[in-house]
């Protein structure tokens, strides 16, 4: 029986985390699976969805201080062999290790003399830092050193899966000046089992007014998601006299801060703040358009989920969505800016027939992301 060690930075309620849970449960039926997480957290809500045979371990103890964790992280990065000994992580106990998220923790597994697979879910970029004090200068120097050592260790993985072509290009650009380095670096698009989504989309939700065009954005509270773009576009469209409505779903979307923003900009009649829910699919099904307004996206599973439910998409040209939408063939791709979001929404408000045009070939579009083919590719790679 294959012994697989899988690391991820958490099991929060997110698209890639749901995909990981499905993969782990698939392996649990025929392999010995151990999931390693950094620490216990109430946000790891998807732990309850794991098959009972899967072992779950943690790097840091529950009572450990953040200072102690930072010290351990430096040992992990600069002395990974010693750290493995301290944590009793032994390569001989496993046949394959999978680091499901590119991060500083990838350094820990890069020195293991077994099959190693790295997943790149984010678009790598060259970071800039603002330094206002000597203390910040030291912290930035250490951060850069950690990042450089960690990213250099990516080269030691046997296979690197990038979730989009844009993701692969950014990986090569940042780490190898755009040149292929001989490593097995592949594009493996994320995939979704369509049947559960279609079934869940039938659940009851509060009535949606179908006399206006409805938009839905499923996202989380993170800087690169650029919710401000949607707020600005909504304000402009309302001032232009358009009648429409937006449903904002996801972690942080019904926070006091968001409520204050919507209220202070007189958008209560245009935006419904729903927040984090287990089943956003009825909204994706019943709204006319799904949105992605991010500045940077490696893939965007939400776009694919909307397409499965035959809901057309408007997305900024921010990386992975261009792959999913095939450069605008299967959805509206707009400029990566607030103006682009505004113009995309205005376009569909002016021409209601665009929803028919962009929903007519979505079944064909989602066939490229077949879930069973995705599983089969991974099984063959790890010889499971």
Protein backbone atom coordinates (compact mmCIF):
# COMPACT_ATOMS: atom_id res chain seq x y z
CA UNK A 1 0.00 0.00 0.00
CA UNK A 2 1.39 3.39 -1.05
CA UNK A 3 2.30 5.65 1.87
CA UNK A 4 1.62 9.31 1.04
CA UNK A 5 2.49 12.38 3.10
CA UNK A 6 0.56 15.51 2.07
CA UNK A 7 1.23 19.01 3.40
CA UNK A 8 -1.07 22.01 3.10
CA UNK A 9 -1.17 25.33 4.93
CA UNK A 10 -4.72 24.71 6.19
CA UNK A 11 -8.15 23.25 5.51
CA UNK A 12 -10.24 26.41 5.46
CA UNK A 13 -13.42 26.64 3.40
CA UNK A 14 -11.88 27.35 -0.01
CA UNK A 15 -11.92 25.98 -3.53
CA UNK A 16 -8.45 24.41 -3.57
CA UNK A 17 -8.96 23.04 -0.07
CA UNK A 18 -12.20 21.31 -1.15
CA UNK A 19 -10.31 19.84 -4.08
CA UNK A 20 -7.57 18.59 -1.76
CA UNK A 21 -10.11 16.93 0.54
CA UNK A 22 -11.63 15.09 -2.43
CA UNK A 23 -8.16 13.93 -3.51
CA UNK A 24 -7.23 12.76 -0.01
CA UNK A 25 -10.49 10.84 0.37
CA UNK A 26 -9.91 9.22 -3.03
CA UNK A 27 -6.47 8.03 -1.89
CA UNK A 28 -7.75 6.94 1.52
CA UNK A 29 -9.54 4.02 -0.14
CA UNK A 30 -6.33 2.52 -1.49
CA UNK A 31 -3.33 4.22 0.20
CA UNK A 32 -2.02 5.07 3.65
CA UNK A 33 -2.49 8.85 3.83
CA UNK A 34 -1.08 11.34 6.33
CA UNK A 35 -2.07 15.01 6.20
CA UNK A 36 0.36 17.47 7.77
CA UNK A 37 -0.84 20.98 8.69
CA UNK A 38 1.11 23.82 10.35
CA UNK A 39 -1.15 24.10 13.41
CA UNK A 40 -4.60 23.43 14.79
CA UNK A 41 -7.16 26.11 14.00
CA UNK A 42 -10.91 26.59 14.25
CA UNK A 43 -10.75 27.78 10.63
CA UNK A 44 -9.78 24.29 9.43
CA UNK A 45 -13.47 23.48 9.02
CA UNK A 46 -12.96 20.94 6.23
CA UNK A 47 -11.22 18.52 8.59
CA UNK A 48 -14.64 17.04 9.35
CA UNK A 49 -14.97 16.05 5.68
CA UNK A 50 -11.87 13.82 5.73
CA UNK A 51 -12.11 10.03 5.58
CA UNK A 52 -11.66 8.52 9.04
CA UNK A 53 -8.55 6.56 8.00
CA UNK A 54 -6.53 9.70 7.20
CA UNK A 55 -4.00 10.64 9.87
CA UNK A 56 -3.74 14.35 10.67
CA UNK A 57 -0.54 15.73 12.24
CA UNK A 58 0.65 19.26 13.03
CA UNK A 59 4.04 20.98 12.93
CA UNK A 60 3.37 23.37 15.80
CA UNK A 61 1.71 22.60 19.11
CA UNK A 62 -1.59 24.25 19.98
CA UNK A 63 -0.13 26.19 22.94
CA UNK A 64 3.02 27.35 21.14
CA UNK A 65 3.62 31.11 21.07
CA UNK A 66 3.95 32.97 17.76
CA UNK A 67 7.53 33.89 18.69
CA UNK A 68 8.39 30.22 19.19
CA UNK A 69 6.77 29.37 15.87
CA UNK A 70 8.87 32.01 14.10
CA UNK A 71 12.03 30.55 15.61
CA UNK A 72 11.01 27.07 14.47
CA UNK A 73 10.25 28.33 10.96
CA UNK A 74 13.83 29.56 10.64
CA UNK A 75 15.17 26.17 11.75
CA UNK A 76 12.82 24.55 9.22
CA UNK A 77 14.04 26.78 6.38
CA UNK A 78 17.77 26.90 7.09
CA UNK A 79 18.24 23.48 8.74
CA UNK A 80 15.45 21.25 7.35
CA UNK A 81 17.21 17.99 8.22
CA UNK A 82 17.52 18.99 11.88
CA UNK A 83 13.90 20.13 11.90
CA UNK A 84 12.74 16.78 10.53
CA UNK A 85 14.56 15.04 13.36
CA UNK A 86 13.02 17.35 15.95
CA UNK A 87 9.52 16.69 14.62
CA UNK A 88 10.17 12.96 14.02
CA UNK A 89 9.27 13.27 10.33
CA UNK A 90 11.09 10.36 8.70
CA UNK A 91 11.38 9.90 4.95
CA UNK A 92 11.51 6.10 5.40
CA UNK A 93 7.90 6.21 6.66
CA UNK A 94 6.63 7.41 3.27
CA UNK A 95 6.90 6.59 -0.42
CA UNK A 96 5.85 10.00 -1.69
CA UNK A 97 5.51 13.52 -0.29
CA UNK A 98 3.21 16.15 -1.79
CA UNK A 99 3.49 19.81 -0.85
CA UNK A 100 0.08 21.00 -2.02
CA UNK A 101 0.89 24.71 -1.71
CA UNK A 102 4.06 26.50 -2.69
CA UNK A 103 5.31 28.17 0.50
CA UNK A 104 8.25 28.33 2.89
CA UNK A 105 7.31 24.88 4.22
CA UNK A 106 8.23 23.37 0.85
CA UNK A 107 11.85 23.66 2.02
CA UNK A 108 11.20 21.01 4.70
CA UNK A 109 10.23 18.30 2.22
CA UNK A 110 12.71 19.21 -0.52
CA UNK A 111 15.50 17.29 1.22
CA UNK A 112 13.54 14.04 1.50
CA UNK A 113 15.08 11.24 -0.65
CA UNK A 114 11.66 10.07 -1.91
CA UNK A 115 9.34 11.09 -4.74
CA UNK A 116 8.44 14.77 -4.26
CA UNK A 117 5.58 16.71 -5.89
CA UNK A 118 4.97 20.44 -5.51
CA UNK A 119 1.71 22.21 -6.39
CA UNK A 120 1.88 25.87 -7.41
CA UNK A 121 -1.53 27.43 -6.79
CA UNK A 122 -0.45 31.07 -6.86
CA UNK A 123 1.24 33.31 -9.39
CA UNK A 124 4.74 33.99 -8.15
CA UNK A 125 5.88 37.60 -8.32
CA UNK A 126 8.86 39.69 -7.27
CA UNK A 127 7.91 41.39 -4.04
CA UNK A 128 8.58 44.96 -3.01
CA UNK A 129 8.84 46.10 0.60
CA UNK A 130 8.44 49.45 2.36
CA UNK A 131 11.09 50.00 5.01
CA UNK A 132 10.59 52.72 7.64
CA UNK A 133 12.96 51.64 10.43
CA UNK A 134 16.05 49.59 11.20
CA UNK A 135 13.86 46.88 12.75
CA UNK A 136 11.84 46.65 9.54
CA UNK A 137 15.06 46.53 7.52
CA UNK A 138 16.22 43.49 9.50
CA UNK A 139 12.81 41.83 9.20
CA UNK A 140 12.72 42.40 5.42
CA UNK A 141 16.28 41.08 5.03
CA UNK A 142 15.30 37.89 6.90
CA UNK A 143 12.06 37.56 4.92
CA UNK A 144 13.91 37.84 1.60
CA UNK A 145 16.48 35.30 2.75
CA UNK A 146 13.75 32.86 3.80
CA UNK A 147 11.93 33.30 0.49
CA UNK A 148 15.07 32.86 -1.59
CA UNK A 149 16.10 29.66 0.20
CA UNK A 150 12.55 28.27 0.07
CA UNK A 151 11.99 29.02 -3.61
CA UNK A 152 15.39 27.64 -4.55
CA UNK A 153 14.34 24.38 -2.91
CA UNK A 154 11.47 24.07 -5.41
CA UNK A 155 14.05 22.83 -7.94
CA UNK A 156 14.53 19.69 -5.85
CA UNK A 157 10.98 18.47 -6.47
CA UNK A 158 10.56 15.76 -9.09
CA UNK A 159 7.31 17.16 -10.47
CA UNK A 160 5.78 20.64 -10.24
CA UNK A 161 2.08 21.02 -11.01
CA UNK A 162 1.03 24.58 -11.95
CA UNK A 163 -2.71 25.18 -11.99
CA UNK A 164 -2.65 27.38 -15.12
CA UNK A 165 -0.38 28.45 -17.93
CA UNK A 166 -0.14 31.92 -16.38
CA UNK A 167 0.95 30.25 -13.15
CA UNK A 168 3.64 28.22 -14.95
CA UNK A 169 4.97 31.31 -16.73
CA UNK A 170 5.22 33.26 -13.49
CA UNK A 171 7.00 30.31 -11.83
CA UNK A 172 9.62 30.18 -14.59
CA UNK A 173 9.94 33.96 -14.77
CA UNK A 174 10.55 34.49 -11.06
CA UNK A 175 12.74 31.45 -10.44
CA UNK A 176 14.51 30.92 -13.76
CA UNK A 177 14.27 34.19 -15.74
CA UNK A 178 11.62 32.65 -17.97
CA UNK A 179 13.71 29.63 -19.04
CA UNK A 180 12.72 25.98 -18.69
CA UNK A 181 15.26 24.36 -16.33
CA UNK A 182 14.84 20.68 -17.24
CA UNK A 183 12.52 20.02 -14.30
CA UNK A 184 9.18 18.27 -14.89
CA UNK A 185 6.96 21.37 -14.72
CA UNK A 186 3.42 20.78 -15.94
CA UNK A 187 0.17 22.67 -16.23
CA UNK A 188 -2.53 20.68 -14.47
CA UNK A 189 -5.74 22.66 -14.38
CA UNK A 190 -7.87 22.33 -11.29
CA UNK A 191 -10.97 20.23 -11.81
CA UNK A 192 -14.37 19.78 -10.22
CA UNK A 193 -16.76 16.89 -9.90
CA UNK A 194 -19.78 18.52 -11.57
CA UNK A 195 -22.58 16.33 -10.21
CA UNK A 196 -22.40 17.45 -6.54
CA UNK A 197 -22.35 21.11 -7.62
CA UNK A 198 -25.40 20.73 -9.83
CA UNK A 199 -27.21 18.93 -7.02
CA UNK A 200 -26.30 21.50 -4.35
CA UNK A 201 -27.36 24.34 -6.64
CA UNK A 202 -30.97 23.18 -6.30
CA UNK A 203 -31.12 24.15 -2.61
CA UNK A 204 -33.55 26.86 -1.51
CA UNK A 205 -32.34 30.41 -0.91
CA UNK A 206 -34.17 33.71 -0.28
CA UNK A 207 -35.90 34.86 -3.50
CA UNK A 208 -33.75 36.72 -6.04
CA UNK A 209 -35.47 39.48 -7.99
CA UNK A 210 -35.27 38.29 -11.59
CA UNK A 211 -36.63 41.57 -12.98
CA UNK A 212 -33.12 43.04 -12.76
CA UNK A 213 -29.70 41.73 -13.82
CA UNK A 214 -28.03 40.03 -10.87
CA UNK A 215 -24.28 39.62 -10.39
CA UNK A 216 -22.56 37.34 -7.88
CA UNK A 217 -19.00 37.42 -6.57
CA UNK A 218 -17.72 34.54 -4.45
CA UNK A 219 -14.41 35.55 -2.93
CA UNK A 220 -12.55 36.11 0.32
CA UNK A 221 -11.18 39.12 2.17
CA UNK A 222 -7.67 39.35 0.72
CA UNK A 223 -5.86 42.35 -0.84
CA UNK A 224 -5.37 40.80 -4.29
CA UNK A 225 -9.13 40.08 -4.57
CA UNK A 226 -9.70 43.86 -5.01
CA UNK A 227 -13.25 44.14 -3.72
CA UNK A 228 -12.74 47.91 -3.95
CA UNK A 229 -12.95 47.61 -7.74
CA UNK A 230 -16.46 46.19 -7.52
CA UNK A 231 -17.53 48.82 -5.01
CA UNK A 232 -16.24 51.60 -7.31
CA UNK A 233 -17.91 50.08 -10.38
CA UNK A 234 -21.20 49.68 -8.50
CA UNK A 235 -21.11 53.32 -7.42
CA UNK A 236 -20.49 54.51 -10.98
CA UNK A 237 -23.19 52.29 -12.50
CA UNK A 238 -25.71 53.41 -9.87
CA UNK A 239 -24.87 57.03 -10.67
CA UNK A 240 -25.40 56.22 -14.38
CA UNK A 241 -28.95 55.12 -13.53
CA UNK A 242 -28.61 51.36 -14.10
CA UNK A 243 -30.87 48.97 -12.19
CA UNK A 244 -29.05 45.82 -11.03
CA UNK A 245 -28.05 43.88 -7.93
CA UNK A 246 -24.88 42.21 -6.59
CA UNK A 247 -24.53 39.34 -4.12
CA UNK A 248 -21.20 39.28 -2.24
CA UNK A 249 -20.39 35.85 -0.80
CA UNK A 250 -17.36 34.69 1.14
CA UNK A 251 -15.22 35.15 4.21
CA UNK A 252 -15.28 38.77 5.38
CA UNK A 253 -17.96 39.85 2.91
CA UNK A 254 -20.49 40.67 5.65
CA UNK A 255 -18.01 42.16 8.12
CA UNK A 256 -18.71 45.42 9.94
CA UNK A 257 -16.16 47.10 7.68
CA UNK A 258 -17.93 45.95 4.52
CA UNK A 259 -21.30 46.99 5.93
CA UNK A 260 -19.88 50.43 6.70
CA UNK A 261 -18.46 50.81 3.18
CA UNK A 262 -21.72 49.80 1.50
CA UNK A 263 -23.76 52.07 3.76
CA UNK A 264 -21.47 55.11 3.53
CA UNK A 265 -21.50 54.94 -0.28
CA UNK A 266 -25.29 54.54 -0.46
CA UNK A 267 -25.15 51.10 -2.08
CA UNK A 268 -27.49 49.20 0.25
CA UNK A 269 -30.08 48.86 -2.53
CA UNK A 270 -27.46 47.45 -4.92
CA UNK A 271 -25.38 45.07 -2.80
CA UNK A 272 -26.40 42.18 -0.54
CA UNK A 273 -23.63 41.08 1.83
CA UNK A 274 -24.01 37.36 2.51
CA UNK A 275 -20.63 36.39 3.93
CA UNK A 276 -19.28 32.85 4.26
CA UNK A 277 -21.75 30.04 3.54
CA UNK A 278 -21.28 26.33 2.89
CA UNK A 279 -23.30 26.32 -0.31
CA UNK A 280 -22.96 29.34 -2.65
CA UNK A 281 -24.09 27.33 -5.68
CA UNK A 282 -27.78 28.38 -5.70
CA UNK A 283 -26.60 31.99 -6.04
CA UNK A 284 -24.22 31.07 -8.85
CA UNK A 285 -27.10 29.29 -10.57
CA UNK A 286 -29.77 31.96 -10.15
CA UNK A 287 -27.70 35.07 -10.87
CA UNK A 288 -27.22 36.25 -14.44
CA UNK A 289 -23.46 36.80 -14.27
CA UNK A 290 -20.60 35.61 -12.05
CA UNK A 291 -17.72 38.01 -11.43
CA UNK A 292 -13.98 37.86 -10.81
CA UNK A 293 -12.49 41.29 -10.06
CA UNK A 294 -9.08 40.18 -8.74
CA UNK A 295 -5.75 41.80 -9.48
CA UNK A 296 -4.04 38.40 -9.48
CA UNK A 297 -5.53 34.89 -9.83
CA UNK A 298 -3.70 31.66 -10.60
CA UNK A 299 -6.89 29.84 -11.65
CA UNK A 300 -10.24 30.78 -9.97
CA UNK A 301 -12.34 27.73 -9.21
CA UNK A 302 -15.37 29.98 -8.68
CA UNK A 303 -15.35 30.86 -12.37
CA UNK A 304 -15.38 27.19 -13.28
CA UNK A 305 -18.17 26.47 -10.78
CA UNK A 306 -20.30 29.19 -12.38
CA UNK A 307 -19.64 27.80 -15.85
CA UNK A 308 -20.70 24.32 -14.70
CA UNK A 309 -24.03 25.87 -13.71
CA UNK A 310 -24.24 27.56 -17.14
CA UNK A 311 -23.79 31.04 -15.65
CA UNK A 312 -21.64 33.31 -17.86
CA UNK A 313 -18.61 35.08 -16.40
CA UNK A 314 -17.03 38.52 -16.42
CA UNK A 315 -13.42 38.48 -15.24
CA UNK A 316 -10.45 40.78 -15.12
CA UNK A 317 -7.51 39.62 -17.22
CA UNK A 318 -5.52 38.72 -14.11
CA UNK A 319 -3.76 35.46 -14.98
CA UNK A 320 -5.49 32.09 -14.65
CA UNK A 321 -9.00 33.23 -15.70
CA UNK A 322 -7.67 33.91 -19.20
CA UNK A 323 -6.83 30.19 -19.42
CA UNK A 324 -10.24 29.15 -18.12
CA UNK A 325 -12.07 31.51 -20.48
CA UNK A 326 -9.65 30.85 -23.38
CA UNK A 327 -8.80 34.55 -23.76
CA UNK A 328 -12.44 35.61 -23.85
CA UNK A 329 -13.94 32.82 -25.96
CA UNK A 330 -16.05 31.46 -23.10
CA UNK A 331 -16.58 34.62 -21.07
CA UNK A 332 -15.98 38.36 -20.99
CA UNK A 333 -12.37 39.22 -20.19
CA UNK A 334 -11.84 42.85 -19.20
CA UNK A 335 -8.91 45.09 -18.37
CA UNK A 336 -7.27 44.35 -15.02
CA UNK A 337 -8.53 47.56 -13.39
CA UNK A 338 -11.52 49.24 -11.76
CA UNK A 339 -12.38 50.75 -15.13
CA UNK A 340 -12.33 47.28 -16.70
CA UNK A 341 -14.79 45.95 -14.11
CA UNK A 342 -17.08 48.93 -14.68
CA UNK A 343 -16.99 48.57 -18.46
CA UNK A 344 -17.61 44.81 -18.34
CA UNK A 345 -20.67 45.20 -16.14
CA UNK A 346 -21.94 48.15 -18.18
CA UNK A 347 -21.55 46.09 -21.35
CA UNK A 348 -23.91 43.35 -20.15
CA UNK A 349 -26.36 45.83 -18.64
CA UNK A 350 -26.58 47.53 -22.05
CA UNK A 351 -26.93 44.26 -23.98
CA UNK A 352 -28.96 41.57 -22.22
CA UNK A 353 -28.42 39.15 -25.12
CA UNK A 354 -24.75 38.79 -24.16
CA UNK A 355 -25.74 36.32 -21.44
CA UNK A 356 -27.20 34.06 -24.14
CA UNK A 357 -24.07 34.37 -26.27
CA UNK A 358 -21.65 33.53 -23.47
CA UNK A 359 -23.69 30.74 -21.89
CA UNK A 360 -24.33 28.79 -25.11
CA UNK A 361 -20.94 26.98 -25.17
CA UNK A 362 -20.17 26.59 -21.46
CA UNK A 363 -20.75 22.85 -21.44
CA UNK A 364 -18.02 22.53 -24.07
CA UNK A 365 -15.77 24.83 -22.02
CA UNK A 366 -15.93 22.84 -18.78
CA UNK A 367 -15.12 19.52 -20.48
CA UNK A 368 -11.44 20.55 -20.41
CA UNK A 369 -11.52 20.35 -16.61
CA UNK A 370 -12.81 16.80 -16.27
CA UNK A 371 -12.48 15.67 -12.66
CA UNK A 372 -11.86 11.98 -13.35
CA UNK A 373 -9.13 12.77 -15.88
CA UNK A 374 -7.52 15.06 -13.26
CA UNK A 375 -7.54 12.28 -10.66
CA UNK A 376 -6.15 9.79 -13.18
CA UNK A 377 -3.26 12.11 -14.09
CA UNK A 378 -2.24 12.45 -10.45
CA UNK A 379 -2.57 8.74 -9.73
CA UNK A 380 -0.32 7.92 -12.66
CA UNK A 381 2.25 10.50 -11.56
CA UNK A 382 2.58 9.02 -8.06
CA UNK A 383 2.06 5.48 -9.38
CA UNK A 384 -0.85 4.91 -7.02
